[in-house]
Amino acid sequence: MNQENIDIIIPIYNAEKTIAKTLQSIIMQSYTSWRVIIIDDGSIDKSVDIVKKYMKKDSRIEYFYKENGGIISARIAGIKRIKNKFVMLVDNDDILHSQCLEIFKLIMEKTDADMVMSELFQNMSKHGHFKIKKKYTVDDIGYEMIDMEKAKRGLLGEQNYTPTVWDKLYKSEVIINSLDDIETIPLKLKTGEDMCMNLCIYNRMHSIAMAHVKLYNYRYSNTFLNKTIDKMDEVVLFHKWRSWFIENENMNKEYHRLNLSHTYHLLLFYGFDNVQEKVDSIVEETEKYIDVDKDKYRVSGLNIKSTDSWMIKMKRWMLKNL
């Protein structure tokens, strides 16, 4: 492996409206020893044409096509093509601060951490508008080492640090050593897939550093508000995989309780009339591993009305029960 270069894995699917800005933000990086791995997950728009235009301008950009299989399968395909010592996983509609790679690499060298993360930048609108931060004085960048236990609990619902995979620089060996575990994640999962991937990766880590700067620009989307029965089934699948992984890896038993609490509240968030049935399913799964007070997981007080928005439903329930 090259000891200096950074691989940047970007899965794309019908990203013709956003991928150009993402690639441009990488080309403009102050740190230039990078390689982009584009994994096209079966796009049917003009994404490939845009990518190929950039490939003609910059030989550091590589393109690979695969049949559509979802974000997890696309990331796995990218991981299998890693050649360099460090790797980032970037979404196809996000933008990096021009010094992102430089600062991440510098802190990685100073700390020898397995992963470096940043404070999240202000979310972009769907149009890609955001406030650009002025240039940082690299030598003045502060950072801290993160408690691994606290970081893992953040992947089970505690609001400690961002659970995403896309605002972080990893040592490639950690990701590669996690690949067998990552491949156990259900490929059809579209809810919590970042948490699942990082749970696999964090389980192989010894240290995390956080830079006290905002380097990653996340494009805000309201798709997480989409409320469907399929979404609830995904939450149940998400819960069951995490339960299996926690037990299979002999992790802290308390993680089962965190997993249950987190997915319970997700089900309330996405809830339909059959929300209790889904809650019973995750409670039953958790009871395989720990004792559960079932009375804590009754949702009769939610009083769902089909004409209510999800926000009204949640506010009514929370005011009455929390």
C-alpha atoms as a PDB file:
ATOM      1  CA  MET A   1       0.000   0.000   0.000  1.00  0.00           C
ATOM      2  CA  ASN A   2       1.106   3.550  -0.712  1.00  0.00           C
ATOM      3  CA  GLN A   3       1.967   5.149   2.626  1.00  0.00           C
ATOM      4  CA  GLU A   4       0.866   8.666   1.651  1.00  0.00           C
ATOM      5  CA  ASN A   5      -2.099   8.477  -0.683  1.00  0.00           C
ATOM      6  CA  ILE A   6      -5.791   8.583   0.224  1.00  0.00           C
ATOM      7  CA  ASP A   7      -8.449   6.532  -1.562  1.00  0.00           C
ATOM      8  CA  ILE A   8     -11.865   8.217  -1.778  1.00  0.00           C
ATOM      9  CA  ILE A   9     -14.775   5.841  -2.423  1.00  0.00           C
ATOM     10  CA  ILE A  10     -17.847   7.492  -3.958  1.00  0.00           C
ATOM     11  CA  PRO A  11     -20.867   5.286  -4.735  1.00  0.00           C
ATOM     12  CA  ILE A  12     -23.166   6.928  -7.276  1.00  0.00           C
ATOM     13  CA  TYR A  13     -26.694   6.199  -8.394  1.00  0.00           C
ATOM     14  CA  ASN A  14     -28.439   8.651 -10.731  1.00  0.00           C
ATOM     15  CA  ALA A  15     -26.270  11.477  -9.407  1.00  0.00           C
ATOM     16  CA  GLU A  16     -26.175  13.659 -12.520  1.00  0.00           C
ATOM     17  CA  LYS A  17     -27.344  16.740 -10.588  1.00  0.00           C
ATOM     18  CA  THR A  18     -24.735  16.568  -7.831  1.00  0.00           C
ATOM     19  CA  ILE A  19     -21.649  14.512  -8.704  1.00  0.00           C
ATOM     20  CA  ALA A  20     -19.857  17.336 -10.562  1.00  0.00           C
ATOM     21  CA  LYS A  21     -19.746  19.562  -7.469  1.00  0.00           C
ATOM     22  CA  THR A  22     -18.588  16.646  -5.335  1.00  0.00           C
ATOM     23  CA  LEU A  23     -15.735  15.820  -7.709  1.00  0.00           C
ATOM     24  CA  GLN A  24     -14.800  19.469  -8.092  1.00  0.00           C
ATOM     25  CA  SER A  25     -14.466  19.818  -4.315  1.00  0.00           C
ATOM     26  CA  ILE A  26     -12.008  16.900  -4.331  1.00  0.00           C
ATOM     27  CA  ILE A  27      -9.992  18.211  -7.267  1.00  0.00           C
ATOM     28  CA  MET A  28      -9.614  21.525  -5.403  1.00  0.00           C
ATOM     29  CA  GLN A  29      -8.114  19.869  -2.306  1.00  0.00           C
ATOM     30  CA  SER A  30      -4.896  21.370  -0.922  1.00  0.00           C
ATOM     31  CA  TYR A  31      -3.662  17.800  -0.351  1.00  0.00           C
ATOM     32  CA  THR A  32      -3.149  16.286  -3.780  1.00  0.00           C
ATOM     33  CA  SER A  33      -2.094  12.657  -3.174  1.00  0.00           C
ATOM     34  CA  TRP A  34      -5.515  11.101  -3.581  1.00  0.00           C
ATOM     35  CA  ARG A  35      -7.348   8.624  -5.808  1.00  0.00           C
ATOM     36  CA  VAL A  36     -11.116   8.627  -6.370  1.00  0.00           C
ATOM     37  CA  ILE A  37     -12.915   5.295  -6.783  1.00  0.00           C
ATOM     38  CA  ILE A  38     -16.329   5.868  -8.384  1.00  0.00           C
ATOM     39  CA  ILE A  39     -18.670   2.895  -7.982  1.00  0.00           C
ATOM     40  CA  ASP A  40     -21.655   3.313 -10.300  1.00  0.00           C
ATOM     41  CA  ASP A  41     -24.485   1.281  -8.787  1.00  0.00           C
ATOM     42  CA  GLY A  42     -26.446   0.862 -12.016  1.00  0.00           C
ATOM     43  CA  SER A  43     -27.218   4.505 -12.821  1.00  0.00           C
ATOM     44  CA  ILE A  44     -29.620   5.109 -15.719  1.00  0.00           C
ATOM     45  CA  ASP A  45     -29.103   8.874 -16.016  1.00  0.00           C
ATOM     46  CA  LYS A  46     -26.118  10.868 -17.324  1.00  0.00           C
ATOM     47  CA  SER A  47     -23.913  10.318 -14.265  1.00  0.00           C
ATOM     48  CA  VAL A  48     -21.367   8.269 -16.217  1.00  0.00           C
ATOM     49  CA  ASP A  49     -20.986  10.991 -18.877  1.00  0.00           C
ATOM     50  CA  ILE A  50     -20.205  13.581 -16.216  1.00  0.00           C
ATOM     51  CA  VAL A  51     -17.726  11.307 -14.465  1.00  0.00           C
ATOM     52  CA  LYS A  52     -15.942  10.466 -17.729  1.00  0.00           C
ATOM     53  CA  LYS A  53     -15.513  14.172 -18.499  1.00  0.00           C
ATOM     54  CA  TYR A  54     -13.731  14.554 -15.177  1.00  0.00           C
ATOM     55  CA  MET A  55     -11.672  11.431 -15.826  1.00  0.00           C
ATOM     56  CA  LYS A  56     -10.318  13.024 -19.014  1.00  0.00           C
ATOM     57  CA  LYS A  57      -9.232  16.044 -16.974  1.00  0.00           C
ATOM     58  CA  ASP A  58      -7.799  14.123 -14.010  1.00  0.00           C
ATOM     59  CA  SER A  59      -6.238  10.651 -14.128  1.00  0.00           C
ATOM     60  CA  ARG A  60      -6.685  10.250 -10.369  1.00  0.00           C
ATOM     61  CA  ILE A  61     -10.394   9.531 -10.907  1.00  0.00           C
ATOM     62  CA  GLU A  62     -11.339   5.897 -11.642  1.00  0.00           C
ATOM     63  CA  TYR A  63     -14.767   4.550 -12.614  1.00  0.00           C
ATOM     64  CA  PHE A  64     -16.291   1.110 -12.052  1.00  0.00           C
ATOM     65  CA  TYR A  65     -19.788  -0.033 -13.020  1.00  0.00           C
ATOM     66  CA  LYS A  66     -21.881  -2.659 -11.225  1.00  0.00           C
ATOM     67  CA  GLU A  67     -25.491  -3.767 -11.374  1.00  0.00           C
ATOM     68  CA  ASN A  68     -27.762  -2.008  -8.934  1.00  0.00           C
ATOM     69  CA  GLY A  69     -27.510  -3.546  -5.483  1.00  0.00           C
ATOM     70  CA  GLY A  70     -27.774  -0.659  -3.039  1.00  0.00           C
ATOM     71  CA  ILE A  71     -25.392   1.561  -1.116  1.00  0.00           C
ATOM     72  CA  ILE A  72     -23.900  -1.221   1.027  1.00  0.00           C
ATOM     73  CA  SER A  73     -22.967  -3.375  -1.963  1.00  0.00           C
ATOM     74  CA  ALA A  74     -21.510  -0.323  -3.731  1.00  0.00           C
ATOM     75  CA  ARG A  75     -19.331   0.549  -0.739  1.00  0.00           C
ATOM     76  CA  ILE A  76     -18.175  -3.066  -0.462  1.00  0.00           C
ATOM     77  CA  ALA A  77     -17.181  -2.963  -4.140  1.00  0.00           C
ATOM     78  CA  GLY A  78     -15.181   0.181  -3.416  1.00  0.00           C
ATOM     79  CA  ILE A  79     -13.492  -1.279  -0.345  1.00  0.00           C
ATOM     80  CA  LYS A  80     -12.312  -4.249  -2.423  1.00  0.00           C
ATOM     81  CA  ARG A  81     -10.483  -1.794  -4.707  1.00  0.00           C
ATOM     82  CA  ILE A  82      -8.546   0.033  -1.975  1.00  0.00           C
ATOM     83  CA  LYS A  83      -4.841   0.429  -2.781  1.00  0.00           C
ATOM     84  CA  ASN A  84      -3.702   3.189  -0.435  1.00  0.00           C
ATOM     85  CA  LYS A  85      -3.031   3.516   3.296  1.00  0.00           C
ATOM     86  CA  PHE A  86      -5.994   5.785   4.051  1.00  0.00           C
ATOM     87  CA  VAL A  87      -9.579   5.870   2.820  1.00  0.00           C
ATOM     88  CA  MET A  88     -12.635   8.130   2.907  1.00  0.00           C
ATOM     89  CA  LEU A  89     -16.212   7.192   2.065  1.00  0.00           C
ATOM     90  CA  VAL A  90     -17.934  10.158   0.425  1.00  0.00           C
ATOM     91  CA  ASP A  91     -21.561  10.513  -0.663  1.00  0.00           C
ATOM     92  CA  ASN A  92     -22.192  11.564  -4.250  1.00  0.00           C
ATOM     93  CA  ASP A  93     -23.940  14.794  -3.291  1.00  0.00           C
ATOM     94  CA  ASP A  94     -21.664  16.172  -0.562  1.00  0.00           C
ATOM     95  CA  ILE A  95     -18.797  18.668  -0.700  1.00  0.00           C
ATOM     96  CA  LEU A  96     -15.459  18.673   1.104  1.00  0.00           C
ATOM     97  CA  HIS A  97     -13.807  21.805   2.476  1.00  0.00           C
ATOM     98  CA  SER A  98     -10.706  22.502   0.381  1.00  0.00           C
ATOM     99  CA  GLN A  99      -8.407  21.565   3.290  1.00  0.00           C
ATOM    100  CA  CYS A 100     -10.327  18.480   4.423  1.00  0.00           C
ATOM    101  CA  LEU A 101      -7.799  15.863   3.301  1.00  0.00           C
ATOM    102  CA  GLU A 102      -4.799  17.927   4.397  1.00  0.00           C
ATOM    103  CA  ILE A 103      -6.122  18.407   7.935  1.00  0.00           C
ATOM    104  CA  PHE A 104      -7.346  14.832   8.330  1.00  0.00           C
ATOM    105  CA  LYS A 105      -3.985  13.482   7.155  1.00  0.00           C
ATOM    106  CA  LEU A 106      -2.043  15.814   9.469  1.00  0.00           C
ATOM    107  CA  ILE A 107      -4.031  14.754  12.547  1.00  0.00           C
ATOM    108  CA  MET A 108      -3.731  11.099  11.540  1.00  0.00           C
ATOM    109  CA  GLU A 109       0.056  11.518  11.475  1.00  0.00           C
ATOM    110  CA  LYS A 110       0.129  13.327  14.821  1.00  0.00           C
ATOM    111  CA  THR A 111      -2.056  10.822  16.664  1.00  0.00           C
ATOM    112  CA  ASP A 112      -1.659   7.535  14.763  1.00  0.00           C
ATOM    113  CA  ALA A 113      -5.417   7.146  15.299  1.00  0.00           C
ATOM    114  CA  ASP A 114      -7.337   4.487  13.400  1.00  0.00           C
ATOM    115  CA  MET A 115      -9.820   7.146  12.300  1.00  0.00           C
ATOM    116  CA  VAL A 116     -10.091  10.939  12.238  1.00  0.00           C
ATOM    117  CA  MET A 117     -13.444  12.695  12.146  1.00  0.00           C
ATOM    118  CA  SER A 118     -14.477  16.341  12.009  1.00  0.00           C
ATOM    119  CA  GLU A 119     -17.200  18.471  13.436  1.00  0.00           C
ATOM    120  CA  LEU A 120     -20.050  18.420  10.931  1.00  0.00           C
ATOM    121  CA  PHE A 121     -20.310  21.507   8.724  1.00  0.00           C
ATOM    122  CA  GLN A 122     -23.573  23.386   8.378  1.00  0.00           C
ATOM    123  CA  ASN A 123     -25.941  21.301   6.266  1.00  0.00           C
ATOM    124  CA  MET A 124     -26.348  22.335   2.659  1.00  0.00           C
ATOM    125  CA  SER A 125     -29.775  22.897   1.194  1.00  0.00           C
ATOM    126  CA  LYS A 126     -31.014  20.600  -1.547  1.00  0.00           C
ATOM    127  CA  HIS A 127     -29.682  23.204  -3.996  1.00  0.00           C
ATOM    128  CA  GLY A 128     -26.154  22.831  -2.670  1.00  0.00           C
ATOM    129  CA  HIS A 129     -25.940  26.217  -0.958  1.00  0.00           C
ATOM    130  CA  PHE A 130     -23.790  26.543   2.143  1.00  0.00           C
ATOM    131  CA  LYS A 131     -21.548  29.045   3.879  1.00  0.00           C
ATOM    132  CA  ILE A 132     -17.925  28.471   2.895  1.00  0.00           C
ATOM    133  CA  LYS A 133     -15.508  28.636   5.795  1.00  0.00           C
ATOM    134  CA  LYS A 134     -12.376  30.696   5.282  1.00  0.00           C
ATOM    135  CA  LYS A 135      -9.030  28.967   5.002  1.00  0.00           C
ATOM    136  CA  TYR A 136      -7.772  27.340   8.182  1.00  0.00           C
ATOM    137  CA  THR A 137      -4.310  27.824   9.640  1.00  0.00           C
ATOM    138  CA  VAL A 138      -3.367  24.157   9.724  1.00  0.00           C
ATOM    139  CA  ASP A 139      -0.871  24.380  12.585  1.00  0.00           C
ATOM    140  CA  ASP A 140      -3.572  25.891  14.820  1.00  0.00           C
ATOM    141  CA  ILE A 141      -6.116  23.093  14.340  1.00  0.00           C
ATOM    142  CA  GLY A 142      -7.169  21.572  17.647  1.00  0.00           C
ATOM    143  CA  TYR A 143      -8.154  17.952  18.133  1.00  0.00           C
ATOM    144  CA  GLU A 144      -9.001  15.462  20.865  1.00  0.00           C
ATOM    145  CA  MET A 145      -8.941  11.710  21.308  1.00  0.00           C
ATOM    146  CA  ILE A 146     -12.405  10.169  21.590  1.00  0.00           C
ATOM    147  CA  ASP A 147     -13.409   7.510  24.118  1.00  0.00           C
ATOM    148  CA  MET A 148     -14.047   4.323  22.133  1.00  0.00           C
ATOM    149  CA  GLU A 149     -16.855   3.154  24.403  1.00  0.00           C
ATOM    150  CA  LYS A 150     -18.667   6.460  23.989  1.00  0.00           C
ATOM    151  CA  ALA A 151     -18.174   6.297  20.227  1.00  0.00           C
ATOM    152  CA  LYS A 152     -19.655   2.785  20.031  1.00  0.00           C
ATOM    153  CA  ARG A 153     -22.654   3.818  22.120  1.00  0.00           C
ATOM    154  CA  GLY A 154     -23.203   6.609  19.613  1.00  0.00           C
ATOM    155  CA  LEU A 155     -23.766   3.930  16.968  1.00  0.00           C
ATOM    156  CA  LEU A 156     -26.580   2.508  19.102  1.00  0.00           C
ATOM    157  CA  GLY A 157     -28.601   5.682  19.451  1.00  0.00           C
ATOM    158  CA  GLU A 158     -26.811   7.870  21.969  1.00  0.00           C
ATOM    159  CA  GLN A 159     -26.224  11.319  20.498  1.00  0.00           C
ATOM    160  CA  ASN A 160     -22.478  11.498  21.055  1.00  0.00           C
ATOM    161  CA  TYR A 161     -20.841  11.840  17.648  1.00  0.00           C
ATOM    162  CA  THR A 162     -22.017  11.558  14.053  1.00  0.00           C
ATOM    163  CA  PRO A 163     -22.577   7.844  13.293  1.00  0.00           C
ATOM    164  CA  THR A 164     -22.069   8.318   9.553  1.00  0.00           C
ATOM    165  CA  VAL A 165     -19.229   6.873   7.484  1.00  0.00           C
ATOM    166  CA  TRP A 166     -18.854   9.904   5.220  1.00  0.00           C
ATOM    167  CA  ASP A 167     -17.172  12.586   7.360  1.00  0.00           C
ATOM    168  CA  LYS A 168     -14.181  10.501   8.407  1.00  0.00           C
ATOM    169  CA  LEU A 169     -10.705   9.401   7.310  1.00  0.00           C
ATOM    170  CA  TYR A 170      -9.941   5.759   8.139  1.00  0.00           C
ATOM    171  CA  LYS A 171      -6.814   3.667   8.091  1.00  0.00           C
ATOM    172  CA  SER A 172      -7.440   1.343   5.178  1.00  0.00           C
ATOM    173  CA  GLU A 173      -6.309  -1.740   7.084  1.00  0.00           C
ATOM    174  CA  VAL A 174      -9.094  -1.213   9.630  1.00  0.00           C
ATOM    175  CA  ILE A 175     -11.755  -1.063   6.905  1.00  0.00           C
ATOM    176  CA  ILE A 176     -10.296  -4.042   5.051  1.00  0.00           C
ATOM    177  CA  ASN A 177     -10.117  -6.088   8.258  1.00  0.00           C
ATOM    178  CA  SER A 178     -13.801  -5.246   8.859  1.00  0.00           C
ATOM    179  CA  LEU A 179     -14.939  -6.365   5.414  1.00  0.00           C
ATOM    180  CA  ASP A 180     -16.104  -9.851   6.426  1.00  0.00           C
ATOM    181  CA  ASP A 181     -18.320  -8.274   9.095  1.00  0.00           C
ATOM    182  CA  ILE A 182     -19.599  -5.566   6.731  1.00  0.00           C
ATOM    183  CA  GLU A 183     -20.633  -8.253   4.260  1.00  0.00           C
ATOM    184  CA  THR A 184     -23.061  -9.664   6.860  1.00  0.00           C
ATOM    185  CA  ILE A 185     -25.154  -6.456   6.759  1.00  0.00           C
ATOM    186  CA  PRO A 186     -28.387  -7.049   4.778  1.00  0.00           C
ATOM    187  CA  LEU A 187     -27.841  -5.476   1.355  1.00  0.00           C
ATOM    188  CA  LYS A 188     -31.428  -4.232   1.146  1.00  0.00           C
ATOM    189  CA  LEU A 189     -31.053  -2.194   4.335  1.00  0.00           C
ATOM    190  CA  LYS A 190     -31.620   1.531   3.706  1.00  0.00           C
ATOM    191  CA  THR A 191     -32.161   2.648   7.296  1.00  0.00           C
ATOM    192  CA  GLY A 192     -29.165   2.807   9.633  1.00  0.00           C
ATOM    193  CA  GLU A 193     -26.712   1.290   7.154  1.00  0.00           C
ATOM    194  CA  ASP A 194     -24.001   3.776   8.175  1.00  0.00           C
ATOM    195  CA  MET A 195     -24.432   2.831  11.832  1.00  0.00           C
ATOM    196  CA  CYS A 196     -24.134  -0.841  10.931  1.00  0.00           C
ATOM    197  CA  MET A 197     -21.004  -0.326   8.849  1.00  0.00           C
ATOM    198  CA  ASN A 198     -19.330   1.742  11.538  1.00  0.00           C
ATOM    199  CA  LEU A 199     -20.278  -0.776  14.223  1.00  0.00           C
ATOM    200  CA  CYS A 200     -18.269  -3.335  12.236  1.00  0.00           C
ATOM    201  CA  ILE A 201     -15.390  -0.910  11.747  1.00  0.00           C
ATOM    202  CA  TYR A 202     -15.291   0.544  15.274  1.00  0.00           C
ATOM    203  CA  ASN A 203     -15.158  -2.978  16.652  1.00  0.00           C
ATOM    204  CA  ARG A 204     -11.737  -3.298  14.977  1.00  0.00           C
ATOM    205  CA  MET A 205     -10.441   0.076  16.144  1.00  0.00           C
ATOM    206  CA  HIS A 206      -8.339   1.185  19.078  1.00  0.00           C
ATOM    207  CA  SER A 207      -8.404   4.968  18.716  1.00  0.00           C
ATOM    208  CA  ILE A 208     -10.374   7.858  17.202  1.00  0.00           C
ATOM    209  CA  ALA A 209      -9.366  11.509  16.915  1.00  0.00           C
ATOM    210  CA  MET A 210     -11.758  14.402  16.304  1.00  0.00           C
ATOM    211  CA  ALA A 211     -10.613  17.613  14.616  1.00  0.00           C
ATOM    212  CA  HIS A 212     -12.139  20.788  16.040  1.00  0.00           C
ATOM    213  CA  VAL A 213     -12.977  22.126  12.602  1.00  0.00           C
ATOM    214  CA  LYS A 214     -15.878  21.699  10.208  1.00  0.00           C
ATOM    215  CA  LEU A 215     -14.630  20.083   7.024  1.00  0.00           C
ATOM    216  CA  TYR A 216     -17.509  18.159   5.486  1.00  0.00           C
ATOM    217  CA  ASN A 217     -20.590  19.651   3.869  1.00  0.00           C
ATOM    218  CA  TYR A 218     -23.612  17.385   4.008  1.00  0.00           C
ATOM    219  CA  ARG A 219     -26.487  17.997   1.620  1.00  0.00           C
ATOM    220  CA  TYR A 220     -29.703  18.092   3.615  1.00  0.00           C
ATOM    221  CA  SER A 221     -32.460  15.851   2.367  1.00  0.00           C
ATOM    222  CA  ASN A 222     -35.900  15.237   3.788  1.00  0.00           C
ATOM    223  CA  THR A 223     -36.047  11.644   2.556  1.00  0.00           C
ATOM    224  CA  PHE A 224     -35.592  10.397   6.124  1.00  0.00           C
ATOM    225  CA  LEU A 225     -39.059  11.830   6.812  1.00  0.00           C
ATOM    226  CA  ASN A 226     -40.673   9.524   4.259  1.00  0.00           C
ATOM    227  CA  LYS A 227     -43.074   7.421   6.286  1.00  0.00           C
ATOM    228  CA  THR A 228     -43.914   4.026   4.818  1.00  0.00           C
ATOM    229  CA  ILE A 229     -44.630   0.542   6.077  1.00  0.00           C
ATOM    230  CA  ASP A 230     -41.457  -0.574   4.281  1.00  0.00           C
ATOM    231  CA  LYS A 231     -39.529   1.908   6.417  1.00  0.00           C
ATOM    232  CA  MET A 232     -40.815   0.240   9.571  1.00  0.00           C
ATOM    233  CA  ASP A 233     -39.788  -3.173   8.249  1.00  0.00           C
ATOM    234  CA  GLU A 234     -36.318  -1.764   7.597  1.00  0.00           C
ATOM    235  CA  VAL A 235     -36.106  -0.541  11.197  1.00  0.00           C
ATOM    236  CA  VAL A 236     -36.946  -4.057  12.418  1.00  0.00           C
ATOM    237  CA  LEU A 237     -34.279  -5.519  10.112  1.00  0.00           C
ATOM    238  CA  PHE A 238     -31.817  -2.878  11.342  1.00  0.00           C
ATOM    239  CA  HIS A 239     -32.564  -3.863  14.936  1.00  0.00           C
ATOM    240  CA  LYS A 240     -32.224  -7.590  14.304  1.00  0.00           C
ATOM    241  CA  TRP A 241     -28.885  -7.268  12.540  1.00  0.00           C
ATOM    242  CA  ARG A 242     -27.453  -5.118  15.338  1.00  0.00           C
ATOM    243  CA  SER A 243     -28.746  -7.604  17.927  1.00  0.00           C
ATOM    244  CA  TRP A 244     -27.047 -10.436  16.076  1.00  0.00           C
ATOM    245  CA  PHE A 245     -23.780  -8.531  15.715  1.00  0.00           C
ATOM    246  CA  ILE A 246     -23.669  -7.448  19.369  1.00  0.00           C
ATOM    247  CA  GLU A 247     -24.147 -11.037  20.482  1.00  0.00           C
ATOM    248  CA  ASN A 248     -21.895 -12.600  17.857  1.00  0.00           C
ATOM    249  CA  GLU A 249     -19.015 -10.294  18.815  1.00  0.00           C
ATOM    250  CA  ASN A 250     -19.571 -10.757  22.573  1.00  0.00           C
ATOM    251  CA  MET A 251     -20.041  -7.030  23.026  1.00  0.00           C
ATOM    252  CA  ASN A 252     -21.351  -5.277  26.134  1.00  0.00           C
ATOM    253  CA  LYS A 253     -24.818  -6.662  27.023  1.00  0.00           C
ATOM    254  CA  GLU A 254     -25.951  -3.099  27.705  1.00  0.00           C
ATOM    255  CA  TYR A 255     -25.720  -2.525  23.954  1.00  0.00           C
ATOM    256  CA  HIS A 256     -28.830  -4.681  23.529  1.00  0.00           C
ATOM    257  CA  ARG A 257     -30.788  -2.255  25.694  1.00  0.00           C
ATOM    258  CA  LEU A 258     -29.470   0.734  23.750  1.00  0.00           C
ATOM    259  CA  ASN A 259     -30.348  -0.986  20.484  1.00  0.00           C
ATOM    260  CA  LEU A 260     -33.896  -1.664  21.666  1.00  0.00           C
ATOM    261  CA  SER A 261     -34.452   1.878  22.909  1.00  0.00           C
ATOM    262  CA  HIS A 262     -33.120   3.382  19.703  1.00  0.00           C
ATOM    263  CA  THR A 263     -35.150   1.264  17.303  1.00  0.00           C
ATOM    264  CA  TYR A 264     -38.264   1.596  19.485  1.00  0.00           C
ATOM    265  CA  HIS A 265     -38.156   5.366  19.068  1.00  0.00           C
ATOM    266  CA  LEU A 266     -37.457   5.014  15.349  1.00  0.00           C
ATOM    267  CA  LEU A 267     -40.604   2.910  15.019  1.00  0.00           C
ATOM    268  CA  LEU A 268     -42.596   5.582  16.815  1.00  0.00           C
ATOM    269  CA  PHE A 269     -41.125   8.128  14.420  1.00  0.00           C
ATOM    270  CA  TYR A 270     -42.181   6.162  11.341  1.00  0.00           C
ATOM    271  CA  GLY A 271     -45.215   4.611  13.005  1.00  0.00           C
ATOM    272  CA  PHE A 272     -48.407   3.418  11.346  1.00  0.00           C
ATOM    273  CA  ASP A 273     -51.435   1.746  12.923  1.00  0.00           C
ATOM    274  CA  ASN A 274     -49.502  -1.516  13.302  1.00  0.00           C
ATOM    275  CA  VAL A 275     -46.576   0.061  15.153  1.00  0.00           C
ATOM    276  CA  GLN A 276     -47.181  -2.115  18.250  1.00  0.00           C
ATOM    277  CA  GLU A 277     -46.748  -5.243  16.140  1.00  0.00           C
ATOM    278  CA  LYS A 278     -43.337  -4.016  14.999  1.00  0.00           C
ATOM    279  CA  VAL A 279     -42.370  -3.002  18.536  1.00  0.00           C
ATOM    280  CA  ASP A 280     -43.329  -6.455  19.801  1.00  0.00           C
ATOM    281  CA  SER A 281     -41.050  -7.925  17.151  1.00  0.00           C
ATOM    282  CA  ILE A 282     -37.959  -6.018  18.333  1.00  0.00           C
ATOM    283  CA  VAL A 283     -38.790  -6.692  21.986  1.00  0.00           C
ATOM    284  CA  GLU A 284     -39.060 -10.414  21.249  1.00  0.00           C
ATOM    285  CA  GLU A 285     -35.700 -10.314  19.464  1.00  0.00           C
ATOM    286  CA  THR A 286     -34.045  -8.523  22.384  1.00  0.00           C
ATOM    287  CA  GLU A 287     -35.469 -11.007  24.903  1.00  0.00           C
ATOM    288  CA  LYS A 288     -33.252 -13.666  23.341  1.00  0.00           C
ATOM    289  CA  TYR A 289     -30.301 -11.905  24.959  1.00  0.00           C
ATOM    290  CA  ILE A 290     -31.473  -9.841  27.965  1.00  0.00           C
ATOM    291  CA  ASP A 291     -34.511  -9.412  30.207  1.00  0.00           C
ATOM    292  CA  VAL A 292     -36.905  -6.724  28.972  1.00  0.00           C
ATOM    293  CA  ASP A 293     -39.622  -4.807  30.814  1.00  0.00           C
ATOM    294  CA  LYS A 294     -42.336  -5.065  28.159  1.00  0.00           C
ATOM    295  CA  ASP A 295     -44.493  -2.426  29.826  1.00  0.00           C
ATOM    296  CA  LYS A 296     -41.964   0.208  28.774  1.00  0.00           C
ATOM    297  CA  TYR A 297     -42.637  -0.604  25.149  1.00  0.00           C
ATOM    298  CA  ARG A 298     -46.385  -0.091  24.870  1.00  0.00           C
ATOM    299  CA  VAL A 299     -47.567   2.525  22.390  1.00  0.00           C
ATOM    300  CA  SER A 300     -51.279   2.676  23.145  1.00  0.00           C
ATOM    301  CA  GLY A 301     -50.861   6.311  24.165  1.00  0.00           C
ATOM    302  CA  LEU A 302     -49.795   7.366  20.701  1.00  0.00           C
ATOM    303  CA  ASN A 303     -53.402   7.883  19.585  1.00  0.00           C
ATOM    304  CA  ILE A 304     -52.580   7.842  15.886  1.00  0.00           C
ATOM    305  CA  LYS A 305     -54.866   9.700  13.493  1.00  0.00           C
ATOM    306  CA  SER A 306     -54.361   9.146   9.792  1.00  0.00           C
ATOM    307  CA  THR A 307     -54.701  12.866   9.051  1.00  0.00           C
ATOM    308  CA  ASP A 308     -51.913  13.874  11.441  1.00  0.00           C
ATOM    309  CA  SER A 309     -48.401  14.608  10.304  1.00  0.00           C
ATOM    310  CA  TRP A 310     -45.622  12.543  11.861  1.00  0.00           C
ATOM    311  CA  MET A 311     -44.479  15.594  13.823  1.00  0.00           C
ATOM    312  CA  ILE A 312     -47.894  16.139  15.429  1.00  0.00           C
ATOM    313  CA  LYS A 313     -48.103  12.456  16.336  1.00  0.00           C
ATOM    314  CA  MET A 314     -44.695  12.441  17.941  1.00  0.00           C
ATOM    315  CA  LYS A 315     -45.254  15.683  19.852  1.00  0.00           C
ATOM    316  CA  ARG A 316     -48.584  14.433  21.215  1.00  0.00           C
ATOM    317  CA  TRP A 317     -47.062  11.156  22.378  1.00  0.00           C
ATOM    318  CA  MET A 318     -43.924  12.746  23.845  1.00  0.00           C
ATOM    319  CA  LEU A 319     -45.867  15.364  25.801  1.00  0.00           C
ATOM    320  CA  LYS A 320     -48.017  12.641  27.316  1.00  0.00           C
ATOM    321  CA  ASN A 321     -45.406   9.974  27.955  1.00  0.00           C
ATOM    322  CA  LEU A 322     -41.944  11.513  28.385  1.00  0.00           C
END
